[in-house]
Amino acid sequence: MSRTVHYQKHRIKSSPQLLGNERRWQVKIFIWWEEQYAVTVKSFTFDLKYQTEKEADIHGIAFGQQIIDGNVPGVSLRGGRIGPRYLLRRVD
């Protein structure tokens, strides 16, 4: 299951990955947008694991929307500090 949604002039593609040794799903998303005739794509992965692909997909899309809205501390689509890939870990 891979799906793409449009959100605030961006596209978010959820691409859950099955972790074979754990039989659980990990979120991987791609966010892309166009500015001044150039397309920028960034990928994000985070460490939370889910029982189903659908659950990972839903959380991935929501995570992408939070990134676009600027609600994920330390993560920026346009900032120079964050590279094209960012790993988030759950802090319990």
N, C-alpha and C. Protein backbone atom coordinates (compact mmCIF):
# COMPACT_ATOMS: atom_id res chain seq x y z
N MET A 1 0.85 -1.17 0.00
CA MET A 1 0.00 0.00 0.00
C MET A 1 0.90 1.23 0.00
N SER A 2 0.78 1.98 -1.01
CA SER A 2 1.51 3.24 -1.13
C SER A 2 0.50 4.24 -1.67
N ARG A 3 0.42 5.38 -1.02
CA ARG A 3 -0.52 6.35 -1.56
C ARG A 3 0.08 7.75 -1.46
N THR A 4 -0.46 8.61 -2.30
CA THR A 4 -0.01 10.00 -2.36
C THR A 4 -1.20 10.91 -2.11
N VAL A 5 -0.99 11.91 -1.25
CA VAL A 5 -2.04 12.89 -0.99
C VAL A 5 -1.48 14.29 -1.25
N HIS A 6 -2.35 15.19 -1.63
CA HIS A 6 -1.99 16.59 -1.81
C HIS A 6 -2.35 17.33 -0.53
N TYR A 7 -1.43 18.18 -0.05
CA TYR A 7 -1.66 18.92 1.18
C TYR A 7 -0.91 20.24 1.11
N GLN A 8 -1.62 21.33 1.11
CA GLN A 8 -1.05 22.68 1.13
C GLN A 8 0.08 22.86 0.11
N LYS A 9 -0.21 22.64 -1.14
CA LYS A 9 0.73 22.80 -2.25
C LYS A 9 1.92 21.85 -2.19
N HIS A 10 1.78 20.78 -1.43
CA HIS A 10 2.80 19.73 -1.33
C HIS A 10 2.15 18.40 -1.69
N ARG A 11 2.98 17.43 -1.98
CA ARG A 11 2.52 16.05 -2.13
C ARG A 11 3.25 15.22 -1.09
N ILE A 12 2.49 14.36 -0.45
CA ILE A 12 3.06 13.44 0.54
C ILE A 12 2.82 12.04 0.02
N LYS A 13 3.91 11.29 -0.14
CA LYS A 13 3.78 9.89 -0.55
C LYS A 13 4.19 9.02 0.62
N SER A 14 3.27 8.20 1.06
CA SER A 14 3.54 7.25 2.13
C SER A 14 4.00 5.94 1.49
N SER A 15 5.08 5.42 2.00
CA SER A 15 5.62 4.18 1.46
C SER A 15 6.07 3.27 2.61
N PRO A 16 5.10 2.68 3.35
CA PRO A 16 5.46 1.85 4.50
C PRO A 16 6.38 0.70 4.10
N GLN A 17 7.31 0.39 4.99
CA GLN A 17 8.27 -0.68 4.73
C GLN A 17 8.10 -1.79 5.75
N LEU A 18 8.02 -3.01 5.26
CA LEU A 18 7.91 -4.17 6.15
C LEU A 18 9.30 -4.54 6.65
N LEU A 19 9.43 -4.60 7.96
CA LEU A 19 10.68 -5.02 8.57
C LEU A 19 10.56 -6.52 8.79
N GLY A 20 11.12 -7.28 7.88
CA GLY A 20 10.93 -8.73 7.84
C GLY A 20 11.31 -9.45 9.11
N ASN A 21 12.39 -9.02 9.73
CA ASN A 21 12.83 -9.72 10.94
C ASN A 21 11.90 -9.46 12.12
N GLU A 22 11.14 -8.36 12.08
CA GLU A 22 10.23 -8.02 13.17
C GLU A 22 8.76 -8.26 12.80
N ARG A 23 8.49 -8.42 11.52
CA ARG A 23 7.12 -8.58 11.01
C ARG A 23 6.25 -7.39 11.41
N ARG A 24 6.85 -6.22 11.37
CA ARG A 24 6.15 -4.97 11.68
C ARG A 24 6.46 -3.97 10.58
N TRP A 25 5.71 -2.88 10.56
CA TRP A 25 5.82 -1.88 9.50
C TRP A 25 6.43 -0.59 10.03
N GLN A 26 7.29 0.01 9.21
CA GLN A 26 7.92 1.28 9.55
C GLN A 26 7.46 2.33 8.54
N VAL A 27 7.31 3.56 9.03
CA VAL A 27 6.86 4.65 8.17
C VAL A 27 8.04 5.23 7.39
N LYS A 28 7.82 5.41 6.11
CA LYS A 28 8.74 6.17 5.26
C LYS A 28 7.87 7.04 4.37
N ILE A 29 8.17 8.33 4.34
CA ILE A 29 7.39 9.23 3.50
C ILE A 29 8.33 10.09 2.65
N PHE A 30 7.78 10.57 1.56
CA PHE A 30 8.45 11.52 0.70
C PHE A 30 7.54 12.74 0.59
N ILE A 31 8.12 13.91 0.72
CA ILE A 31 7.36 15.15 0.56
C ILE A 31 8.01 15.92 -0.58
N TRP A 32 7.20 16.35 -1.55
CA TRP A 32 7.76 17.16 -2.61
C TRP A 32 6.86 18.32 -2.93
N TRP A 33 7.50 19.37 -3.46
CA TRP A 33 6.79 20.60 -3.82
C TRP A 33 7.58 21.31 -4.90
N GLU A 34 6.92 22.24 -5.55
CA GLU A 34 7.55 22.99 -6.63
C GLU A 34 7.61 24.46 -6.24
N GLU A 35 8.78 25.05 -6.44
CA GLU A 35 8.99 26.49 -6.23
C GLU A 35 9.87 27.00 -7.35
N GLN A 36 9.45 28.07 -7.97
CA GLN A 36 10.24 28.72 -9.01
C GLN A 36 10.74 27.72 -10.05
N TYR A 37 9.84 26.88 -10.53
CA TYR A 37 10.10 25.91 -11.59
C TYR A 37 11.09 24.80 -11.20
N ALA A 38 11.33 24.63 -9.91
CA ALA A 38 12.19 23.55 -9.44
C ALA A 38 11.40 22.67 -8.48
N VAL A 39 11.58 21.36 -8.58
CA VAL A 39 10.91 20.42 -7.70
C VAL A 39 11.91 19.97 -6.64
N THR A 40 11.48 20.02 -5.39
CA THR A 40 12.30 19.56 -4.27
C THR A 40 11.61 18.37 -3.63
N VAL A 41 12.39 17.34 -3.31
CA VAL A 41 11.87 16.14 -2.67
C VAL A 41 12.72 15.86 -1.43
N LYS A 42 12.06 15.57 -0.32
CA LYS A 42 12.76 15.15 0.89
C LYS A 42 12.09 13.89 1.41
N SER A 43 12.89 12.99 1.96
CA SER A 43 12.34 11.76 2.53
C SER A 43 12.54 11.78 4.04
N PHE A 44 11.61 11.13 4.73
CA PHE A 44 11.64 11.07 6.18
C PHE A 44 11.27 9.65 6.60
N THR A 45 11.97 9.16 7.61
CA THR A 45 11.70 7.85 8.19
C THR A 45 11.65 8.03 9.69
N PHE A 46 10.78 7.30 10.36
CA PHE A 46 10.88 7.33 11.81
C PHE A 46 10.71 5.96 12.40
N ASP A 47 11.19 5.84 13.61
CA ASP A 47 11.46 4.56 14.26
C ASP A 47 10.25 3.84 14.82
N LEU A 48 9.10 4.47 14.84
CA LEU A 48 7.92 3.80 15.37
C LEU A 48 7.54 2.63 14.47
N LYS A 49 7.14 1.53 15.08
CA LYS A 49 6.76 0.34 14.32
C LYS A 49 5.27 0.10 14.51
N TYR A 50 4.63 -0.40 13.46
CA TYR A 50 3.18 -0.63 13.47
C TYR A 50 2.87 -2.07 13.09
N GLN A 51 1.74 -2.57 13.58
CA GLN A 51 1.33 -3.95 13.31
C GLN A 51 0.88 -4.14 11.86
N THR A 52 0.27 -3.09 11.27
CA THR A 52 -0.26 -3.24 9.92
C THR A 52 0.29 -2.17 8.99
N GLU A 53 0.29 -2.49 7.72
CA GLU A 53 0.71 -1.54 6.70
C GLU A 53 -0.22 -0.33 6.67
N LYS A 54 -1.51 -0.57 6.82
CA LYS A 54 -2.49 0.51 6.80
C LYS A 54 -2.25 1.50 7.94
N GLU A 55 -1.97 0.99 9.12
CA GLU A 55 -1.69 1.86 10.27
C GLU A 55 -0.44 2.70 10.02
N ALA A 56 0.60 2.10 9.47
CA ALA A 56 1.82 2.85 9.16
C ALA A 56 1.55 3.90 8.09
N ASP A 57 0.72 3.58 7.13
CA ASP A 57 0.36 4.52 6.07
C ASP A 57 -0.38 5.73 6.65
N ILE A 58 -1.37 5.49 7.48
CA ILE A 58 -2.16 6.57 8.07
C ILE A 58 -1.27 7.49 8.90
N HIS A 59 -0.41 6.91 9.72
CA HIS A 59 0.46 7.72 10.57
C HIS A 59 1.52 8.45 9.75
N GLY A 60 1.96 7.85 8.66
CA GLY A 60 2.93 8.51 7.78
C GLY A 60 2.36 9.75 7.14
N ILE A 61 1.14 9.67 6.63
CA ILE A 61 0.50 10.84 6.02
C ILE A 61 0.30 11.93 7.07
N ALA A 62 -0.17 11.57 8.26
CA ALA A 62 -0.37 12.55 9.33
C ALA A 62 0.96 13.19 9.73
N PHE A 63 2.01 12.41 9.79
CA PHE A 63 3.35 12.90 10.11
C PHE A 63 3.81 13.91 9.06
N GLY A 64 3.58 13.60 7.80
CA GLY A 64 3.93 14.53 6.72
C GLY A 64 3.18 15.84 6.83
N GLN A 65 1.91 15.78 7.18
CA GLN A 65 1.13 17.01 7.35
C GLN A 65 1.67 17.84 8.50
N GLN A 66 2.07 17.18 9.58
CA GLN A 66 2.65 17.90 10.72
C GLN A 66 3.97 18.57 10.33
N ILE A 67 4.78 17.91 9.51
CA ILE A 67 6.03 18.51 9.05
C ILE A 67 5.74 19.75 8.21
N ILE A 68 4.82 19.64 7.28
CA ILE A 68 4.46 20.77 6.41
C ILE A 68 3.93 21.93 7.24
N ASP A 69 3.14 21.63 8.26
CA ASP A 69 2.58 22.68 9.13
C ASP A 69 3.61 23.29 10.07
N GLY A 70 4.81 22.69 10.13
CA GLY A 70 5.85 23.22 11.02
C GLY A 70 5.67 22.81 12.47
N ASN A 71 4.97 21.69 12.69
CA ASN A 71 4.67 21.25 14.05
C ASN A 71 5.57 20.13 14.56
N VAL A 72 6.67 19.85 13.87
CA VAL A 72 7.61 18.83 14.32
C VAL A 72 8.92 19.54 14.67
N PRO A 73 9.22 19.67 15.96
CA PRO A 73 10.42 20.39 16.38
C PRO A 73 11.69 19.82 15.74
N GLY A 74 12.53 20.72 15.25
CA GLY A 74 13.80 20.32 14.65
C GLY A 74 13.73 19.85 13.22
N VAL A 75 12.53 19.82 12.64
CA VAL A 75 12.37 19.35 11.26
C VAL A 75 11.82 20.50 10.43
N SER A 76 12.50 20.77 9.33
CA SER A 76 12.06 21.84 8.44
C SER A 76 12.23 21.39 7.00
N LEU A 77 11.27 21.69 6.18
CA LEU A 77 11.40 21.36 4.76
C LEU A 77 12.38 22.29 4.07
N ARG A 78 12.43 23.52 4.48
CA ARG A 78 13.24 24.51 3.77
C ARG A 78 14.47 24.95 4.52
N GLY A 79 14.64 24.50 5.74
CA GLY A 79 15.81 24.90 6.51
C GLY A 79 17.07 24.22 6.02
N GLY A 80 18.18 24.90 6.14
CA GLY A 80 19.45 24.35 5.69
C GLY A 80 20.05 23.32 6.63
N ARG A 81 19.60 23.29 7.88
CA ARG A 81 20.20 22.40 8.86
C ARG A 81 19.81 20.94 8.66
N ILE A 82 18.60 20.71 8.25
CA ILE A 82 18.11 19.34 8.13
C ILE A 82 18.41 18.81 6.73
N GLY A 83 19.00 17.64 6.68
CA GLY A 83 19.32 17.03 5.39
C GLY A 83 18.09 16.42 4.76
N PRO A 84 18.27 15.73 3.65
CA PRO A 84 17.13 15.16 2.94
C PRO A 84 16.48 13.98 3.66
N ARG A 85 17.13 13.47 4.69
CA ARG A 85 16.55 12.34 5.42
C ARG A 85 16.65 12.62 6.90
N TYR A 86 15.62 12.34 7.63
CA TYR A 86 15.56 12.64 9.05
C TYR A 86 14.95 11.47 9.79
N LEU A 87 15.58 11.02 10.84
CA LEU A 87 15.10 9.88 11.60
C LEU A 87 14.53 10.36 12.92
N LEU A 88 13.28 10.05 13.20
CA LEU A 88 12.66 10.39 14.46
C LEU A 88 12.57 9.14 15.31
N ARG A 89 12.78 9.30 16.58
CA ARG A 89 12.67 8.19 17.52
C ARG A 89 11.66 8.55 18.61
N ARG A 90 10.92 7.58 19.04
CA ARG A 90 9.96 7.79 20.13
C ARG A 90 10.73 7.94 21.43
N VAL A 91 10.32 8.92 22.22
CA VAL A 91 10.87 9.10 23.56
C VAL A 91 9.77 8.79 24.54
N ASP A 92 9.93 7.72 25.30
CA ASP A 92 8.90 7.33 26.26
C ASP A 92 9.16 7.92 27.62
